[in-house]
Amino acid sequence: MEKKEAVRIKEVISQILKSDQLDHKMLENRVVRSWEKVIGSTVARATNQIYMHQGTLYLNINSSVMRNELLMLKDRIMDALNQEVGHRIVTAIVIR
C-alpha cells in the first residue's frame, strides 16, 4: 500500500466547493446575512427583501427617504459588503 501525502480538510472542502461552483453561492449568502451588520439595524428594519443574483444585490426598501440615501451611498455600501465578506462578490446594487 502506497502512502499518500496528507491534505488539510480545509483544502479538500475548498476544492469540492469550487468544483461544484458552490463557493460563489456561499459568498452571496454571507453578503445577505451580513447586511444588518454592515448597514445598521435601522436600515435593516426598513429592508423588506434582500437577495443576490449573479453578483447583483437586490434590495426592497419601504422608506423613500432611506431609499434615496442608499442610492447615493451605493458604492460605499458595495465596498463595505465586499470587505466584510473578504471577496469582491457584489458588483452592483439595485434598490427598489
PDB file of N, CA and C in Angstrom:
ATOM      1  N   MET A   1       0.839  -1.175   0.000  1.00  0.00           N
ATOM      2  CA  MET A   1       0.000   0.000   0.000  1.00  0.00           C
ATOM      3  C   MET A   1       0.887   1.242   0.000  1.00  0.00           C
ATOM      4  N   GLU A   2       0.598   2.153  -0.876  1.00  0.00           N
ATOM      5  CA  GLU A   2       1.392   3.357  -1.056  1.00  0.00           C
ATOM      6  C   GLU A   2       0.893   4.471  -0.148  1.00  0.00           C
ATOM      7  N   LYS A   3       1.818   5.130   0.516  1.00  0.00           N
ATOM      8  CA  LYS A   3       1.463   6.217   1.422  1.00  0.00           C
ATOM      9  C   LYS A   3       1.329   7.513   0.621  1.00  0.00           C
ATOM     10  N   LYS A   4       0.220   8.205   0.792  1.00  0.00           N
ATOM     11  CA  LYS A   4      -0.034   9.455   0.079  1.00  0.00           C
ATOM     12  C   LYS A   4       0.207  10.638   1.009  1.00  0.00           C
ATOM     13  N   GLU A   5       0.465  11.774   0.416  1.00  0.00           N
ATOM     14  CA  GLU A   5       0.675  12.975   1.209  1.00  0.00           C
ATOM     15  C   GLU A   5      -0.619  13.406   1.873  1.00  0.00           C
ATOM     16  N   ALA A   6      -0.494  13.890   3.077  1.00  0.00           N
ATOM     17  CA  ALA A   6      -1.660  14.374   3.815  1.00  0.00           C
ATOM     18  C   ALA A   6      -2.126  15.702   3.237  1.00  0.00           C
ATOM     19  N   VAL A   7      -3.425  15.866   3.165  1.00  0.00           N
ATOM     20  CA  VAL A   7      -4.033  17.100   2.670  1.00  0.00           C
ATOM     21  C   VAL A   7      -4.952  17.617   3.766  1.00  0.00           C
ATOM     22  N   ARG A   8      -4.883  18.902   3.988  1.00  0.00           N
ATOM     23  CA  ARG A   8      -5.754  19.501   5.005  1.00  0.00           C
ATOM     24  C   ARG A   8      -7.211  19.403   4.571  1.00  0.00           C
ATOM     25  N   ILE A   9      -8.082  19.180   5.541  1.00  0.00           N
ATOM     26  CA  ILE A   9      -9.513  19.045   5.261  1.00  0.00           C
ATOM     27  C   ILE A   9     -10.069  20.336   4.674  1.00  0.00           C
ATOM     28  N   LYS A  10      -9.538  21.483   5.104  1.00  0.00           N
ATOM     29  CA  LYS A  10      -9.982  22.771   4.566  1.00  0.00           C
ATOM     30  C   LYS A  10      -9.736  22.838   3.059  1.00  0.00           C
ATOM     31  N   GLU A  11      -8.594  22.338   2.609  1.00  0.00           N
ATOM     32  CA  GLU A  11      -8.270  22.345   1.186  1.00  0.00           C
ATOM     33  C   GLU A  11      -9.182  21.409   0.399  1.00  0.00           C
ATOM     34  N   VAL A  12      -9.489  20.259   0.979  1.00  0.00           N
ATOM     35  CA  VAL A  12     -10.377  19.298   0.309  1.00  0.00           C
ATOM     36  C   VAL A  12     -11.772  19.894   0.148  1.00  0.00           C
ATOM     37  N   ILE A  13     -12.287  20.494   1.201  1.00  0.00           N
ATOM     38  CA  ILE A  13     -13.621  21.112   1.143  1.00  0.00           C
ATOM     39  C   ILE A  13     -13.622  22.256   0.136  1.00  0.00           C
ATOM     40  N   SER A  14     -12.577  23.054   0.138  1.00  0.00           N
ATOM     41  CA  SER A  14     -12.475  24.170  -0.810  1.00  0.00           C
ATOM     42  C   SER A  14     -12.488  23.667  -2.256  1.00  0.00           C
ATOM     43  N   GLN A  15     -11.772  22.594  -2.524  1.00  0.00           N
ATOM     44  CA  GLN A  15     -11.749  22.025  -3.876  1.00  0.00           C
ATOM     45  C   GLN A  15     -13.124  21.504  -4.284  1.00  0.00           C
ATOM     46  N   ILE A  16     -13.824  20.888  -3.359  1.00  0.00           N
ATOM     47  CA  ILE A  16     -15.168  20.374  -3.658  1.00  0.00           C
ATOM     48  C   ILE A  16     -16.121  21.526  -3.962  1.00  0.00           C
ATOM     49  N   LEU A  17     -16.067  22.553  -3.142  1.00  0.00           N
ATOM     50  CA  LEU A  17     -16.950  23.706  -3.354  1.00  0.00           C
ATOM     51  C   LEU A  17     -16.666  24.385  -4.687  1.00  0.00           C
ATOM     52  N   LYS A  18     -15.398  24.536  -5.037  1.00  0.00           N
ATOM     53  CA  LYS A  18     -15.049  25.166  -6.307  1.00  0.00           C
ATOM     54  C   LYS A  18     -15.442  24.300  -7.490  1.00  0.00           C
ATOM     55  N   SER A  19     -15.313  23.003  -7.361  1.00  0.00           N
ATOM     56  CA  SER A  19     -15.661  22.134  -8.485  1.00  0.00           C
ATOM     57  C   SER A  19     -17.159  22.149  -8.760  1.00  0.00           C
ATOM     58  N   ASP A  20     -17.950  22.320  -7.730  1.00  0.00           N
ATOM     59  CA  ASP A  20     -19.407  22.375  -7.900  1.00  0.00           C
ATOM     60  C   ASP A  20     -19.911  23.812  -7.991  1.00  0.00           C
ATOM     61  N   GLN A  21     -19.024  24.787  -7.988  1.00  0.00           N
ATOM     62  CA  GLN A  21     -19.329  26.214  -8.029  1.00  0.00           C
ATOM     63  C   GLN A  21     -20.248  26.639  -6.889  1.00  0.00           C
ATOM     64  N   LEU A  22     -20.074  25.996  -5.750  1.00  0.00           N
ATOM     65  CA  LEU A  22     -20.873  26.340  -4.578  1.00  0.00           C
ATOM     66  C   LEU A  22     -20.233  27.455  -3.763  1.00  0.00           C
ATOM     67  N   ASP A  23     -18.945  27.689  -3.954  1.00  0.00           N
ATOM     68  CA  ASP A  23     -18.271  28.715  -3.173  1.00  0.00           C
ATOM     69  C   ASP A  23     -18.845  30.105  -3.451  1.00  0.00           C
ATOM     70  N   HIS A  24     -19.214  30.369  -4.693  1.00  0.00           N
ATOM     71  CA  HIS A  24     -19.801  31.661  -5.056  1.00  0.00           C
ATOM     72  C   HIS A  24     -21.158  31.844  -4.372  1.00  0.00           C
ATOM     73  N   LYS A  25     -21.963  30.802  -4.350  1.00  0.00           N
ATOM     74  CA  LYS A  25     -23.280  30.876  -3.699  1.00  0.00           C
ATOM     75  C   LYS A  25     -23.122  31.088  -2.195  1.00  0.00           C
ATOM     76  N   MET A  26     -22.122  30.447  -1.606  1.00  0.00           N
ATOM     77  CA  MET A  26     -21.893  30.631  -0.173  1.00  0.00           C
ATOM     78  C   MET A  26     -21.492  32.065   0.138  1.00  0.00           C
ATOM     79  N   LEU A  27     -20.670  32.657  -0.726  1.00  0.00           N
ATOM     80  CA  LEU A  27     -20.272  34.051  -0.520  1.00  0.00           C
ATOM     81  C   LEU A  27     -21.459  34.992  -0.680  1.00  0.00           C
ATOM     82  N   GLU A  28     -22.318  34.717  -1.653  1.00  0.00           N
ATOM     83  CA  GLU A  28     -23.532  35.536  -1.824  1.00  0.00           C
ATOM     84  C   GLU A  28     -24.412  35.447  -0.584  1.00  0.00           C
ATOM     85  N   ASN A  29     -24.526  34.260  -0.022  1.00  0.00           N
ATOM     86  CA  ASN A  29     -25.312  34.063   1.194  1.00  0.00           C
ATOM     87  C   ASN A  29     -24.698  34.845   2.360  1.00  0.00           C
ATOM     88  N   ARG A  30     -23.382  34.864   2.454  1.00  0.00           N
ATOM     89  CA  ARG A  30     -22.713  35.631   3.505  1.00  0.00           C
ATOM     90  C   ARG A  30     -22.975  37.127   3.361  1.00  0.00           C
ATOM     91  N   VAL A  31     -23.053  37.617   2.124  1.00  0.00           N
ATOM     92  CA  VAL A  31     -23.352  39.033   1.900  1.00  0.00           C
ATOM     93  C   VAL A  31     -24.740  39.358   2.447  1.00  0.00           C
ATOM     94  N   VAL A  32     -25.714  38.533   2.119  1.00  0.00           N
ATOM     95  CA  VAL A  32     -27.096  38.767   2.575  1.00  0.00           C
ATOM     96  C   VAL A  32     -27.159  38.719   4.098  1.00  0.00           C
ATOM     97  N   ARG A  33     -26.487  37.743   4.700  1.00  0.00           N
ATOM     98  CA  ARG A  33     -26.513  37.617   6.161  1.00  0.00           C
ATOM     99  C   ARG A  33     -25.795  38.762   6.861  1.00  0.00           C
ATOM    100  N   SER A  34     -24.832  39.389   6.207  1.00  0.00           N
ATOM    101  CA  SER A  34     -24.086  40.469   6.850  1.00  0.00           C
ATOM    102  C   SER A  34     -24.702  41.850   6.606  1.00  0.00           C
ATOM    103  N   TRP A  35     -25.845  41.914   5.938  1.00  0.00           N
ATOM    104  CA  TRP A  35     -26.482  43.188   5.604  1.00  0.00           C
ATOM    105  C   TRP A  35     -26.701  44.050   6.852  1.00  0.00           C
ATOM    106  N   GLU A  36     -27.328  43.502   7.880  1.00  0.00           N
ATOM    107  CA  GLU A  36     -27.632  44.295   9.076  1.00  0.00           C
ATOM    108  C   GLU A  36     -26.353  44.750   9.780  1.00  0.00           C
ATOM    109  N   LYS A  37     -25.356  43.911   9.827  1.00  0.00           N
ATOM    110  CA  LYS A  37     -24.096  44.269  10.485  1.00  0.00           C
ATOM    111  C   LYS A  37     -23.417  45.441   9.773  1.00  0.00           C
ATOM    112  N   VAL A  38     -23.453  45.425   8.453  1.00  0.00           N
ATOM    113  CA  VAL A  38     -22.778  46.468   7.664  1.00  0.00           C
ATOM    114  C   VAL A  38     -23.578  47.760   7.640  1.00  0.00           C
ATOM    115  N   ILE A  39     -24.884  47.674   7.466  1.00  0.00           N
ATOM    116  CA  ILE A  39     -25.702  48.861   7.217  1.00  0.00           C
ATOM    117  C   ILE A  39     -26.348  49.429   8.481  1.00  0.00           C
ATOM    118  N   GLY A  40     -26.533  48.595   9.502  1.00  0.00           N
ATOM    119  CA  GLY A  40     -27.156  49.044  10.741  1.00  0.00           C
ATOM    120  C   GLY A  40     -28.583  48.545  10.878  1.00  0.00           C
ATOM    121  N   SER A  41     -29.048  48.502  12.099  1.00  0.00           N
ATOM    122  CA  SER A  41     -30.366  47.909  12.369  1.00  0.00           C
ATOM    123  C   SER A  41     -31.523  48.762  11.863  1.00  0.00           C
ATOM    124  N   THR A  42     -31.381  50.077  11.863  1.00  0.00           N
ATOM    125  CA  THR A  42     -32.471  50.953  11.415  1.00  0.00           C
ATOM    126  C   THR A  42     -32.783  50.723   9.943  1.00  0.00           C
ATOM    127  N   VAL A  43     -31.762  50.721   9.108  1.00  0.00           N
ATOM    128  CA  VAL A  43     -31.966  50.488   7.678  1.00  0.00           C
ATOM    129  C   VAL A  43     -32.375  49.036   7.437  1.00  0.00           C
ATOM    130  N   ALA A  44     -31.822  48.122   8.207  1.00  0.00           N
ATOM    131  CA  ALA A  44     -32.166  46.703   8.040  1.00  0.00           C
ATOM    132  C   ALA A  44     -33.652  46.467   8.319  1.00  0.00           C
ATOM    133  N   ARG A  45     -34.201  47.197   9.294  1.00  0.00           N
ATOM    134  CA  ARG A  45     -35.635  47.047   9.581  1.00  0.00           C
ATOM    135  C   ARG A  45     -36.495  47.585   8.438  1.00  0.00           C
ATOM    136  N   ALA A  46     -35.975  48.564   7.706  1.00  0.00           N
ATOM    137  CA  ALA A  46     -36.718  49.134   6.574  1.00  0.00           C
ATOM    138  C   ALA A  46     -36.544  48.310   5.301  1.00  0.00           C
ATOM    139  N   THR A  47     -35.708  47.298   5.357  1.00  0.00           N
ATOM    140  CA  THR A  47     -35.463  46.443   4.192  1.00  0.00           C
ATOM    141  C   THR A  47     -36.471  45.302   4.199  1.00  0.00           C
ATOM    142  N   ASN A  48     -37.345  45.284   3.179  1.00  0.00           N
ATOM    143  CA  ASN A  48     -38.353  44.229   3.078  1.00  0.00           C
ATOM    144  C   ASN A  48     -37.778  42.939   2.514  1.00  0.00           C
ATOM    145  N   GLN A  49     -36.975  43.076   1.494  1.00  0.00           N
ATOM    146  CA  GLN A  49     -36.453  41.905   0.806  1.00  0.00           C
ATOM    147  C   GLN A  49     -35.018  42.182   0.385  1.00  0.00           C
ATOM    148  N   ILE A  50     -34.168  41.182   0.545  1.00  0.00           N
ATOM    149  CA  ILE A  50     -32.782  41.296   0.125  1.00  0.00           C
ATOM    150  C   ILE A  50     -32.339  39.949  -0.416  1.00  0.00           C
ATOM    151  N   TYR A  51     -31.776  39.962  -1.621  1.00  0.00           N
ATOM    152  CA  TYR A  51     -31.244  38.738  -2.213  1.00  0.00           C
ATOM    153  C   TYR A  51     -30.195  39.094  -3.255  1.00  0.00           C
ATOM    154  N   MET A  52     -29.393  38.101  -3.608  1.00  0.00           N
ATOM    155  CA  MET A  52     -28.353  38.292  -4.612  1.00  0.00           C
ATOM    156  C   MET A  52     -28.591  37.345  -5.772  1.00  0.00           C
ATOM    157  N   HIS A  53     -28.251  37.825  -6.965  1.00  0.00           N
ATOM    158  CA  HIS A  53     -28.321  37.009  -8.169  1.00  0.00           C
ATOM    159  C   HIS A  53     -27.214  37.458  -9.108  1.00  0.00           C
ATOM    160  N   GLN A  54     -26.314  36.569  -9.403  1.00  0.00           N
ATOM    161  CA  GLN A  54     -25.208  36.810 -10.336  1.00  0.00           C
ATOM    162  C   GLN A  54     -24.432  38.084 -10.017  1.00  0.00           C
ATOM    163  N   GLY A  55     -24.081  38.266  -8.748  1.00  0.00           N
ATOM    164  CA  GLY A  55     -23.255  39.392  -8.347  1.00  0.00           C
ATOM    165  C   GLY A  55     -23.997  40.684  -8.086  1.00  0.00           C
ATOM    166  N   THR A  56     -25.291  40.709  -8.309  1.00  0.00           N
ATOM    167  CA  THR A  56     -26.086  41.916  -8.080  1.00  0.00           C
ATOM    168  C   THR A  56     -26.910  41.743  -6.809  1.00  0.00           C
ATOM    169  N   LEU A  57     -26.814  42.714  -5.923  1.00  0.00           N
ATOM    170  CA  LEU A  57     -27.586  42.716  -4.684  1.00  0.00           C
ATOM    171  C   LEU A  57     -28.878  43.483  -4.927  1.00  0.00           C
ATOM    172  N   TYR A  58     -30.007  42.834  -4.692  1.00  0.00           N
ATOM    173  CA  TYR A  58     -31.325  43.446  -4.879  1.00  0.00           C
ATOM    174  C   TYR A  58     -31.917  43.761  -3.514  1.00  0.00           C
ATOM    175  N   LEU A  59     -32.379  45.004  -3.346  1.00  0.00           N
ATOM    176  CA  LEU A  59     -32.951  45.459  -2.084  1.00  0.00           C
ATOM    177  C   LEU A  59     -34.311  46.087  -2.319  1.00  0.00           C
ATOM    178  N   ASN A  60     -35.273  45.742  -1.488  1.00  0.00           N
ATOM    179  CA  ASN A  60     -36.569  46.424  -1.461  1.00  0.00           C
ATOM    180  C   ASN A  60     -36.635  47.193  -0.146  1.00  0.00           C
ATOM    181  N   ILE A  61     -36.711  48.509  -0.245  1.00  0.00           N
ATOM    182  CA  ILE A  61     -36.715  49.384   0.932  1.00  0.00           C
ATOM    183  C   ILE A  61     -38.088  50.044   1.019  1.00  0.00           C
ATOM    184  N   ASN A  62     -38.720  49.981   2.211  1.00  0.00           N
ATOM    185  CA  ASN A  62     -40.078  50.517   2.334  1.00  0.00           C
ATOM    186  C   ASN A  62     -40.121  52.008   2.669  1.00  0.00           C
ATOM    187  N   SER A  63     -38.989  52.645   2.878  1.00  0.00           N
ATOM    188  CA  SER A  63     -38.944  54.070   3.180  1.00  0.00           C
ATOM    189  C   SER A  63     -38.295  54.809   2.008  1.00  0.00           C
ATOM    190  N   SER A  64     -39.016  55.775   1.456  1.00  0.00           N
ATOM    191  CA  SER A  64     -38.476  56.516   0.311  1.00  0.00           C
ATOM    192  C   SER A  64     -37.259  57.353   0.706  1.00  0.00           C
ATOM    193  N   VAL A  65     -37.245  57.869   1.921  1.00  0.00           N
ATOM    194  CA  VAL A  65     -36.113  58.666   2.389  1.00  0.00           C
ATOM    195  C   VAL A  65     -34.861  57.794   2.471  1.00  0.00           C
ATOM    196  N   MET A  66     -35.005  56.622   3.083  1.00  0.00           N
ATOM    197  CA  MET A  66     -33.866  55.704   3.184  1.00  0.00           C
ATOM    198  C   MET A  66     -33.435  55.199   1.813  1.00  0.00           C
ATOM    199  N   ARG A  67     -34.405  54.972   0.958  1.00  0.00           N
ATOM    200  CA  ARG A  67     -34.088  54.510  -0.398  1.00  0.00           C
ATOM    201  C   ARG A  67     -33.204  55.532  -1.114  1.00  0.00           C
ATOM    202  N   ASN A  68     -33.551  56.805  -1.005  1.00  0.00           N
ATOM    203  CA  ASN A  68     -32.751  57.859  -1.641  1.00  0.00           C
ATOM    204  C   ASN A  68     -31.354  57.959  -1.039  1.00  0.00           C
ATOM    205  N   GLU A  69     -31.253  57.840   0.279  1.00  0.00           N
ATOM    206  CA  GLU A  69     -29.943  57.865   0.939  1.00  0.00           C
ATOM    207  C   GLU A  69     -29.082  56.693   0.470  1.00  0.00           C
ATOM    208  N   LEU A  70     -29.677  55.509   0.388  1.00  0.00           N
ATOM    209  CA  LEU A  70     -28.929  54.324  -0.043  1.00  0.00           C
ATOM    210  C   LEU A  70     -28.500  54.443  -1.506  1.00  0.00           C
ATOM    211  N   LEU A  71     -29.336  55.047  -2.325  1.00  0.00           N
ATOM    212  CA  LEU A  71     -28.966  55.240  -3.729  1.00  0.00           C
ATOM    213  C   LEU A  71     -27.709  56.102  -3.850  1.00  0.00           C
ATOM    214  N   MET A  72     -27.584  57.096  -2.985  1.00  0.00           N
ATOM    215  CA  MET A  72     -26.409  57.959  -3.038  1.00  0.00           C
ATOM    216  C   MET A  72     -25.162  57.265  -2.486  1.00  0.00           C
ATOM    217  N   LEU A  73     -25.356  56.253  -1.655  1.00  0.00           N
ATOM    218  CA  LEU A  73     -24.232  55.576  -0.999  1.00  0.00           C
ATOM    219  C   LEU A  73     -23.960  54.186  -1.558  1.00  0.00           C
ATOM    220  N   LYS A  74     -24.469  53.876  -2.745  1.00  0.00           N
ATOM    221  CA  LYS A  74     -24.345  52.524  -3.295  1.00  0.00           C
ATOM    222  C   LYS A  74     -22.898  52.037  -3.368  1.00  0.00           C
ATOM    223  N   ASP A  75     -21.997  52.877  -3.824  1.00  0.00           N
ATOM    224  CA  ASP A  75     -20.599  52.461  -3.961  1.00  0.00           C
ATOM    225  C   ASP A  75     -19.965  52.148  -2.607  1.00  0.00           C
ATOM    226  N   ARG A  76     -20.244  52.987  -1.627  1.00  0.00           N
ATOM    227  CA  ARG A  76     -19.720  52.738  -0.274  1.00  0.00           C
ATOM    228  C   ARG A  76     -20.278  51.450   0.312  1.00  0.00           C
ATOM    229  N   ILE A  77     -21.568  51.230   0.111  1.00  0.00           N
ATOM    230  CA  ILE A  77     -22.208  50.024   0.627  1.00  0.00           C
ATOM    231  C   ILE A  77     -21.600  48.791  -0.030  1.00  0.00           C
ATOM    232  N   MET A  78     -21.411  48.855  -1.341  1.00  0.00           N
ATOM    233  CA  MET A  78     -20.824  47.734  -2.077  1.00  0.00           C
ATOM    234  C   MET A  78     -19.425  47.427  -1.553  1.00  0.00           C
ATOM    235  N   ASP A  79     -18.620  48.455  -1.352  1.00  0.00           N
ATOM    236  CA  ASP A  79     -17.269  48.263  -0.826  1.00  0.00           C
ATOM    237  C   ASP A  79     -17.292  47.661   0.580  1.00  0.00           C
ATOM    238  N   ALA A  80     -18.190  48.155   1.428  1.00  0.00           N
ATOM    239  CA  ALA A  80     -18.276  47.657   2.802  1.00  0.00           C
ATOM    240  C   ALA A  80     -18.702  46.193   2.837  1.00  0.00           C
ATOM    241  N   LEU A  81     -19.670  45.826   2.004  1.00  0.00           N
ATOM    242  CA  LEU A  81     -20.115  44.429   1.962  1.00  0.00           C
ATOM    243  C   LEU A  81     -19.015  43.513   1.441  1.00  0.00           C
ATOM    244  N   ASN A  82     -18.332  43.943   0.395  1.00  0.00           N
ATOM    245  CA  ASN A  82     -17.241  43.129  -0.145  1.00  0.00           C
ATOM    246  C   ASN A  82     -16.115  42.976   0.871  1.00  0.00           C
ATOM    247  N   GLN A  83     -15.841  44.039   1.608  1.00  0.00           N
ATOM    248  CA  GLN A  83     -14.804  43.970   2.622  1.00  0.00           C
ATOM    249  C   GLN A  83     -15.219  43.032   3.749  1.00  0.00           C
ATOM    250  N   GLU A  84     -16.472  43.063   4.123  1.00  0.00           N
ATOM    251  CA  GLU A  84     -16.976  42.189   5.199  1.00  0.00           C
ATOM    252  C   GLU A  84     -16.842  40.715   4.821  1.00  0.00           C
ATOM    253  N   VAL A  85     -17.120  40.407   3.566  1.00  0.00           N
ATOM    254  CA  VAL A  85     -17.061  39.015   3.092  1.00  0.00           C
ATOM    255  C   VAL A  85     -15.626  38.612   2.762  1.00  0.00           C
ATOM    256  N   GLY A  86     -14.811  39.579   2.375  1.00  0.00           N
ATOM    257  CA  GLY A  86     -13.430  39.287   2.051  1.00  0.00           C
ATOM    258  C   GLY A  86     -13.183  38.949   0.592  1.00  0.00           C
ATOM    259  N   HIS A  87     -14.192  39.159  -0.244  1.00  0.00           N
ATOM    260  CA  HIS A  87     -14.084  38.918  -1.688  1.00  0.00           C
ATOM    261  C   HIS A  87     -14.882  39.988  -2.420  1.00  0.00           C
ATOM    262  N   ARG A  88     -14.533  40.209  -3.671  1.00  0.00           N
ATOM    263  CA  ARG A  88     -15.311  41.129  -4.496  1.00  0.00           C
ATOM    264  C   ARG A  88     -16.456  40.351  -5.111  1.00  0.00           C
ATOM    265  N   ILE A  89     -17.533  40.211  -4.363  1.00  0.00           N
ATOM    266  CA  ILE A  89     -18.673  39.401  -4.784  1.00  0.00           C
ATOM    267  C   ILE A  89     -19.839  40.273  -5.249  1.00  0.00           C
ATOM    268  N   VAL A  90     -20.013  41.446  -4.642  1.00  0.00           N
ATOM    269  CA  VAL A  90     -21.084  42.366  -5.029  1.00  0.00           C
ATOM    270  C   VAL A  90     -20.543  43.299  -6.116  1.00  0.00           C
ATOM    271  N   THR A  91     -21.121  43.211  -7.298  1.00  0.00           N
ATOM    272  CA  THR A  91     -20.668  44.048  -8.404  1.00  0.00           C
ATOM    273  C   THR A  91     -21.654  45.158  -8.728  1.00  0.00           C
ATOM    274  N   ALA A  92     -22.887  45.030  -8.256  1.00  0.00           N
ATOM    275  CA  ALA A  92     -23.912  46.054  -8.495  1.00  0.00           C
ATOM    276  C   ALA A  92     -24.979  45.946  -7.405  1.00  0.00           C
ATOM    277  N   ILE A  93     -25.677  47.056  -7.180  1.00  0.00           N
ATOM    278  CA  ILE A  93     -26.776  47.092  -6.228  1.00  0.00           C
ATOM    279  C   ILE A  93     -27.988  47.711  -6.897  1.00  0.00           C
ATOM    280  N   VAL A  94     -29.119  47.024  -6.784  1.00  0.00           N
ATOM    281  CA  VAL A  94     -30.391  47.536  -7.310  1.00  0.00           C
ATOM    282  C   VAL A  94     -31.297  47.793  -6.110  1.00  0.00           C
ATOM    283  N   ILE A  95     -31.732  49.041  -5.973  1.00  0.00           N
ATOM    284  CA  ILE A  95     -32.584  49.429  -4.841  1.00  0.00           C
ATOM    285  C   ILE A  95     -33.954  49.806  -5.384  1.00  0.00           C
ATOM    286  N   ARG A  96     -34.960  49.186  -4.830  1.00  0.00           N
ATOM    287  CA  ARG A  96     -36.343  49.452  -5.259  1.00  0.00           C
ATOM    288  C   ARG A  96     -37.146  49.960  -4.094  1.00  0.00           C
TER     289      ARG A  96
END
